[in-house]
Amino acid sequence: MTTTLKPRLIDDLNTLHASYVSAINTAVADDDMATVNELAAAYDREATEMVAAREGKSHLLPLMRRAA
């Protein structure tokens, strides 16, 4: 009997975060703030989508900002 364990959400989020930190640090070193901002926004979206998918809440996406 073979059992395969599904990776924990926190482990996948940590891996995702590490990849974005590396890319953002490279963009900062290149003084490319436009890319830094794009990467930060992409990380927010990807992490939110990952959590929603794992928690069965994908139907709530995309998240809508509340009016001020």
PDB file of N, CA and C in Angstrom:
ATOM      1  N   MET A   1       0.849  -1.174   0.000  1.00  0.00           N
ATOM      2  CA  MET A   1       0.000   0.000   0.000  1.00  0.00           C
ATOM      3  C   MET A   1       0.898   1.243   0.000  1.00  0.00           C
ATOM      4  N   THR A   2       0.673   2.088  -0.964  1.00  0.00           N
ATOM      5  CA  THR A   2       1.450   3.318  -1.071  1.00  0.00           C
ATOM      6  C   THR A   2       0.562   4.499  -0.714  1.00  0.00           C
ATOM      7  N   THR A   3       1.049   5.327   0.168  1.00  0.00           N
ATOM      8  CA  THR A   3       0.301   6.536   0.501  1.00  0.00           C
ATOM      9  C   THR A   3       1.138   7.734   0.086  1.00  0.00           C
ATOM     10  N   THR A   4       0.481   8.653  -0.542  1.00  0.00           N
ATOM     11  CA  THR A   4       1.168   9.892  -0.915  1.00  0.00           C
ATOM     12  C   THR A   4       0.564  11.012  -0.106  1.00  0.00           C
ATOM     13  N   LEU A   5       1.417  11.737   0.545  1.00  0.00           N
ATOM     14  CA  LEU A   5       0.959  12.843   1.364  1.00  0.00           C
ATOM     15  C   LEU A   5       0.888  14.105   0.510  1.00  0.00           C
ATOM     16  N   LYS A   6      -0.212  14.804   0.626  1.00  0.00           N
ATOM     17  CA  LYS A   6      -0.358  16.077  -0.062  1.00  0.00           C
ATOM     18  C   LYS A   6       0.477  17.106   0.695  1.00  0.00           C
ATOM     19  N   PRO A   7       1.251  17.905  -0.042  1.00  0.00           N
ATOM     20  CA  PRO A   7       2.055  18.920   0.660  1.00  0.00           C
ATOM     21  C   PRO A   7       1.150  19.848   1.488  1.00  0.00           C
ATOM     22  N   ARG A   8       1.677  20.273   2.612  1.00  0.00           N
ATOM     23  CA  ARG A   8       0.904  21.187   3.452  1.00  0.00           C
ATOM     24  C   ARG A   8       0.843  22.552   2.778  1.00  0.00           C
ATOM     25  N   LEU A   9      -0.261  23.235   2.990  1.00  0.00           N
ATOM     26  CA  LEU A   9      -0.454  24.564   2.422  1.00  0.00           C
ATOM     27  C   LEU A   9       0.680  25.498   2.835  1.00  0.00           C
ATOM     28  N   ILE A  10       1.064  25.480   4.090  1.00  0.00           N
ATOM     29  CA  ILE A  10       2.115  26.378   4.566  1.00  0.00           C
ATOM     30  C   ILE A  10       3.433  26.107   3.862  1.00  0.00           C
ATOM     31  N   ASP A  11       3.718  24.847   3.576  1.00  0.00           N
ATOM     32  CA  ASP A  11       4.955  24.512   2.867  1.00  0.00           C
ATOM     33  C   ASP A  11       4.923  25.056   1.439  1.00  0.00           C
ATOM     34  N   ASP A  12       3.786  24.908   0.783  1.00  0.00           N
ATOM     35  CA  ASP A  12       3.654  25.443  -0.578  1.00  0.00           C
ATOM     36  C   ASP A  12       3.710  26.969  -0.575  1.00  0.00           C
ATOM     37  N   LEU A  13       3.102  27.596   0.412  1.00  0.00           N
ATOM     38  CA  LEU A  13       3.173  29.058   0.510  1.00  0.00           C
ATOM     39  C   LEU A  13       4.602  29.524   0.779  1.00  0.00           C
ATOM     40  N   ASN A  14       5.317  28.805   1.615  1.00  0.00           N
ATOM     41  CA  ASN A  14       6.715  29.164   1.884  1.00  0.00           C
ATOM     42  C   ASN A  14       7.564  29.041   0.627  1.00  0.00           C
ATOM     43  N   THR A  15       7.342  28.014  -0.165  1.00  0.00           N
ATOM     44  CA  THR A  15       8.068  27.832  -1.418  1.00  0.00           C
ATOM     45  C   THR A  15       7.743  28.962  -2.393  1.00  0.00           C
ATOM     46  N   LEU A  16       6.464  29.279  -2.503  1.00  0.00           N
ATOM     47  CA  LEU A  16       6.030  30.376  -3.371  1.00  0.00           C
ATOM     48  C   LEU A  16       6.681  31.684  -2.920  1.00  0.00           C
ATOM     49  N   HIS A  17       6.626  31.954  -1.627  1.00  0.00           N
ATOM     50  CA  HIS A  17       7.192  33.173  -1.075  1.00  0.00           C
ATOM     51  C   HIS A  17       8.687  33.270  -1.368  1.00  0.00           C
ATOM     52  N   ALA A  18       9.395  32.188  -1.164  1.00  0.00           N
ATOM     53  CA  ALA A  18      10.844  32.190  -1.399  1.00  0.00           C
ATOM     54  C   ALA A  18      11.169  32.507  -2.858  1.00  0.00           C
ATOM     55  N   SER A  19      10.376  31.986  -3.776  1.00  0.00           N
ATOM     56  CA  SER A  19      10.646  32.255  -5.189  1.00  0.00           C
ATOM     57  C   SER A  19      10.411  33.722  -5.517  1.00  0.00           C
ATOM     58  N   TYR A  20       9.381  34.307  -4.926  1.00  0.00           N
ATOM     59  CA  TYR A  20       9.118  35.727  -5.167  1.00  0.00           C
ATOM     60  C   TYR A  20      10.154  36.612  -4.479  1.00  0.00           C
ATOM     61  N   VAL A  21      10.604  36.245  -3.301  1.00  0.00           N
ATOM     62  CA  VAL A  21      11.637  37.024  -2.611  1.00  0.00           C
ATOM     63  C   VAL A  21      12.888  37.083  -3.474  1.00  0.00           C
ATOM     64  N   SER A  22      13.266  35.956  -4.034  1.00  0.00           N
ATOM     65  CA  SER A  22      14.450  35.913  -4.889  1.00  0.00           C
ATOM     66  C   SER A  22      14.284  36.819  -6.105  1.00  0.00           C
ATOM     67  N   ALA A  23      13.134  36.725  -6.761  1.00  0.00           N
ATOM     68  CA  ALA A  23      12.886  37.545  -7.957  1.00  0.00           C
ATOM     69  C   ALA A  23      12.824  39.033  -7.609  1.00  0.00           C
ATOM     70  N   ILE A  24      12.180  39.361  -6.494  1.00  0.00           N
ATOM     71  CA  ILE A  24      12.077  40.764  -6.083  1.00  0.00           C
ATOM     72  C   ILE A  24      13.450  41.310  -5.707  1.00  0.00           C
ATOM     73  N   ASN A  25      14.250  40.518  -5.009  1.00  0.00           N
ATOM     74  CA  ASN A  25      15.598  40.976  -4.658  1.00  0.00           C
ATOM     75  C   ASN A  25      16.437  41.256  -5.895  1.00  0.00           C
ATOM     76  N   THR A  26      16.282  40.433  -6.910  1.00  0.00           N
ATOM     77  CA  THR A  26      16.993  40.657  -8.165  1.00  0.00           C
ATOM     78  C   THR A  26      16.535  41.959  -8.810  1.00  0.00           C
ATOM     79  N   ALA A  27      15.228  42.189  -8.822  1.00  0.00           N
ATOM     80  CA  ALA A  27      14.695  43.420  -9.412  1.00  0.00           C
ATOM     81  C   ALA A  27      15.156  44.649  -8.626  1.00  0.00           C
ATOM     82  N   VAL A  28      15.208  44.550  -7.307  1.00  0.00           N
ATOM     83  CA  VAL A  28      15.696  45.662  -6.482  1.00  0.00           C
ATOM     84  C   VAL A  28      17.160  45.937  -6.804  1.00  0.00           C
ATOM     85  N   ALA A  29      17.945  44.895  -6.915  1.00  0.00           N
ATOM     86  CA  ALA A  29      19.370  45.060  -7.234  1.00  0.00           C
ATOM     87  C   ALA A  29      19.562  45.725  -8.598  1.00  0.00           C
ATOM     88  N   ASP A  30      18.620  45.468  -9.504  1.00  0.00           N
ATOM     89  CA  ASP A  30      18.663  46.080 -10.841  1.00  0.00           C
ATOM     90  C   ASP A  30      17.988  47.448 -10.870  1.00  0.00           C
ATOM     91  N   ASP A  31      17.528  47.921  -9.694  1.00  0.00           N
ATOM     92  CA  ASP A  31      16.814  49.194  -9.569  1.00  0.00           C
ATOM     93  C   ASP A  31      15.600  49.258 -10.497  1.00  0.00           C
ATOM     94  N   ASP A  32      14.888  48.134 -10.584  1.00  0.00           N
ATOM     95  CA  ASP A  32      13.706  48.001 -11.450  1.00  0.00           C
ATOM     96  C   ASP A  32      12.454  47.948 -10.583  1.00  0.00           C
ATOM     97  N   MET A  33      12.032  49.115 -10.119  1.00  0.00           N
ATOM     98  CA  MET A  33      10.910  49.171  -9.186  1.00  0.00           C
ATOM     99  C   MET A  33       9.578  48.799  -9.833  1.00  0.00           C
ATOM    100  N   ALA A  34       9.450  48.991 -11.130  1.00  0.00           N
ATOM    101  CA  ALA A  34       8.219  48.578 -11.814  1.00  0.00           C
ATOM    102  C   ALA A  34       8.050  47.061 -11.706  1.00  0.00           C
ATOM    103  N   THR A  35       9.132  46.340 -11.916  1.00  0.00           N
ATOM    104  CA  THR A  35       9.076  44.882 -11.787  1.00  0.00           C
ATOM    105  C   THR A  35       8.835  44.470 -10.344  1.00  0.00           C
ATOM    106  N   VAL A  36       9.442  45.174  -9.408  1.00  0.00           N
ATOM    107  CA  VAL A  36       9.202  44.888  -7.987  1.00  0.00           C
ATOM    108  C   VAL A  36       7.710  44.984  -7.684  1.00  0.00           C
ATOM    109  N   ASN A  37       7.082  46.050  -8.123  1.00  0.00           N
ATOM    110  CA  ASN A  37       5.649  46.237  -7.875  1.00  0.00           C
ATOM    111  C   ASN A  37       4.810  45.168  -8.563  1.00  0.00           C
ATOM    112  N   GLU A  38       5.168  44.806  -9.793  1.00  0.00           N
ATOM    113  CA  GLU A  38       4.437  43.759 -10.514  1.00  0.00           C
ATOM    114  C   GLU A  38       4.571  42.415  -9.803  1.00  0.00           C
ATOM    115  N   LEU A  39       5.781  42.104  -9.364  1.00  0.00           N
ATOM    116  CA  LEU A  39       6.003  40.836  -8.660  1.00  0.00           C
ATOM    117  C   LEU A  39       5.254  40.787  -7.334  1.00  0.00           C
ATOM    118  N   ALA A  40       5.249  41.888  -6.601  1.00  0.00           N
ATOM    119  CA  ALA A  40       4.532  41.922  -5.323  1.00  0.00           C
ATOM    120  C   ALA A  40       3.041  41.691  -5.534  1.00  0.00           C
ATOM    121  N   ALA A  41       2.469  42.320  -6.548  1.00  0.00           N
ATOM    122  CA  ALA A  41       1.048  42.130  -6.849  1.00  0.00           C
ATOM    123  C   ALA A  41       0.778  40.700  -7.301  1.00  0.00           C
ATOM    124  N   ALA A  42       1.685  40.144  -8.099  1.00  0.00           N
ATOM    125  CA  ALA A  42       1.515  38.772  -8.580  1.00  0.00           C
ATOM    126  C   ALA A  42       1.582  37.781  -7.418  1.00  0.00           C
ATOM    127  N   TYR A  43       2.475  38.030  -6.480  1.00  0.00           N
ATOM    128  CA  TYR A  43       2.563  37.160  -5.304  1.00  0.00           C
ATOM    129  C   TYR A  43       1.252  37.196  -4.521  1.00  0.00           C
ATOM    130  N   ASP A  44       0.721  38.383  -4.293  1.00  0.00           N
ATOM    131  CA  ASP A  44      -0.547  38.499  -3.568  1.00  0.00           C
ATOM    132  C   ASP A  44      -1.643  37.686  -4.248  1.00  0.00           C
ATOM    133  N   ARG A  45      -1.742  37.834  -5.575  1.00  0.00           N
ATOM    134  CA  ARG A  45      -2.771  37.102  -6.322  1.00  0.00           C
ATOM    135  C   ARG A  45      -2.555  35.592  -6.235  1.00  0.00           C
ATOM    136  N   GLU A  46      -1.324  35.158  -6.490  1.00  0.00           N
ATOM    137  CA  GLU A  46      -1.043  33.726  -6.522  1.00  0.00           C
ATOM    138  C   GLU A  46      -1.229  33.071  -5.151  1.00  0.00           C
ATOM    139  N   ALA A  47      -0.782  33.740  -4.105  1.00  0.00           N
ATOM    140  CA  ALA A  47      -0.947  33.195  -2.754  1.00  0.00           C
ATOM    141  C   ALA A  47      -2.427  33.131  -2.378  1.00  0.00           C
ATOM    142  N   THR A  48      -3.175  34.173  -2.716  1.00  0.00           N
ATOM    143  CA  THR A  48      -4.607  34.193  -2.416  1.00  0.00           C
ATOM    144  C   THR A  48      -5.331  33.078  -3.163  1.00  0.00           C
ATOM    145  N   GLU A  49      -4.987  32.900  -4.432  1.00  0.00           N
ATOM    146  CA  GLU A  49      -5.606  31.835  -5.221  1.00  0.00           C
ATOM    147  C   GLU A  49      -5.254  30.457  -4.670  1.00  0.00           C
ATOM    148  N   MET A  50      -4.000  30.281  -4.228  1.00  0.00           N
ATOM    149  CA  MET A  50      -3.577  29.003  -3.662  1.00  0.00           C
ATOM    150  C   MET A  50      -4.379  28.680  -2.406  1.00  0.00           C
ATOM    151  N   VAL A  51      -4.497  29.651  -1.511  1.00  0.00           N
ATOM    152  CA  VAL A  51      -5.245  29.430  -0.267  1.00  0.00           C
ATOM    153  C   VAL A  51      -6.709  29.150  -0.581  1.00  0.00           C
ATOM    154  N   ALA A  52      -7.302  29.931  -1.459  1.00  0.00           N
ATOM    155  CA  ALA A  52      -8.714  29.742  -1.799  1.00  0.00           C
ATOM    156  C   ALA A  52      -8.958  28.355  -2.387  1.00  0.00           C
ATOM    157  N   ALA A  53      -8.074  27.914  -3.272  1.00  0.00           N
ATOM    158  CA  ALA A  53      -8.231  26.596  -3.887  1.00  0.00           C
ATOM    159  C   ALA A  53      -8.141  25.490  -2.834  1.00  0.00           C
ATOM    160  N   ARG A  54      -7.177  25.598  -1.940  1.00  0.00           N
ATOM    161  CA  ARG A  54      -6.993  24.566  -0.917  1.00  0.00           C
ATOM    162  C   ARG A  54      -8.135  24.544   0.095  1.00  0.00           C
ATOM    163  N   GLU A  55      -8.719  25.705   0.344  1.00  0.00           N
ATOM    164  CA  GLU A  55      -9.783  25.805   1.332  1.00  0.00           C
ATOM    165  C   GLU A  55     -11.172  25.648   0.711  1.00  0.00           C
ATOM    166  N   GLY A  56     -11.229  25.389  -0.594  1.00  0.00           N
ATOM    167  CA  GLY A  56     -12.521  25.216  -1.259  1.00  0.00           C
ATOM    168  C   GLY A  56     -13.312  26.511  -1.353  1.00  0.00           C
ATOM    169  N   LYS A  57     -12.611  27.617  -1.466  1.00  0.00           N
ATOM    170  CA  LYS A  57     -13.273  28.925  -1.501  1.00  0.00           C
ATOM    171  C   LYS A  57     -13.031  29.661  -2.820  1.00  0.00           C
ATOM    172  N   SER A  58     -12.655  28.934  -3.861  1.00  0.00           N
ATOM    173  CA  SER A  58     -12.361  29.570  -5.146  1.00  0.00           C
ATOM    174  C   SER A  58     -13.543  30.341  -5.699  1.00  0.00           C
ATOM    175  N   HIS A  59     -14.744  29.953  -5.296  1.00  0.00           N
ATOM    176  CA  HIS A  59     -15.934  30.651  -5.777  1.00  0.00           C
ATOM    177  C   HIS A  59     -15.997  32.097  -5.274  1.00  0.00           C
ATOM    178  N   LEU A  60     -15.207  32.443  -4.281  1.00  0.00           N
ATOM    179  CA  LEU A  60     -15.196  33.804  -3.745  1.00  0.00           C
ATOM    180  C   LEU A  60     -14.226  34.719  -4.503  1.00  0.00           C
ATOM    181  N   LEU A  61     -13.490  34.147  -5.443  1.00  0.00           N
ATOM    182  CA  LEU A  61     -12.518  34.942  -6.201  1.00  0.00           C
ATOM    183  C   LEU A  61     -13.163  35.498  -7.463  1.00  0.00           C
ATOM    184  N   PRO A  62     -12.753  36.610  -7.968  1.00  0.00           N
ATOM    185  CA  PRO A  62     -11.690  37.441  -7.420  1.00  0.00           C
ATOM    186  C   PRO A  62     -12.175  38.227  -6.227  1.00  0.00           C
ATOM    187  N   LEU A  63     -11.267  38.530  -5.335  1.00  0.00           N
ATOM    188  CA  LEU A  63     -11.599  39.333  -4.174  1.00  0.00           C
ATOM    189  C   LEU A  63     -11.880  40.753  -4.636  1.00  0.00           C
ATOM    190  N   MET A  64     -12.861  41.352  -4.044  1.00  0.00           N
ATOM    191  CA  MET A  64     -13.226  42.725  -4.397  1.00  0.00           C
ATOM    192  C   MET A  64     -12.861  43.640  -3.242  1.00  0.00           C
ATOM    193  N   ARG A  65     -12.236  44.747  -3.553  1.00  0.00           N
ATOM    194  CA  ARG A  65     -11.897  45.721  -2.517  1.00  0.00           C
ATOM    195  C   ARG A  65     -13.156  46.469  -2.099  1.00  0.00           C
ATOM    196  N   ARG A  66     -13.243  46.738  -0.820  1.00  0.00           N
ATOM    197  CA  ARG A  66     -14.379  47.520  -0.315  1.00  0.00           C
ATOM    198  C   ARG A  66     -14.186  48.970  -0.647  1.00  0.00           C
ATOM    199  N   ALA A  67     -15.286  49.645  -0.900  1.00  0.00           N
ATOM    200  CA  ALA A  67     -15.218  51.089  -1.175  1.00  0.00           C
ATOM    201  C   ALA A  67     -14.791  51.815   0.082  1.00  0.00           C
ATOM    202  N   ALA A  68     -14.030  52.878  -0.098  1.00  0.00           N
ATOM    203  CA  ALA A  68     -13.534  53.646   1.049  1.00  0.00           C
ATOM    204  C   ALA A  68     -14.637  54.459   1.694  1.00  0.00           C
TER     205      ALA A  68
END
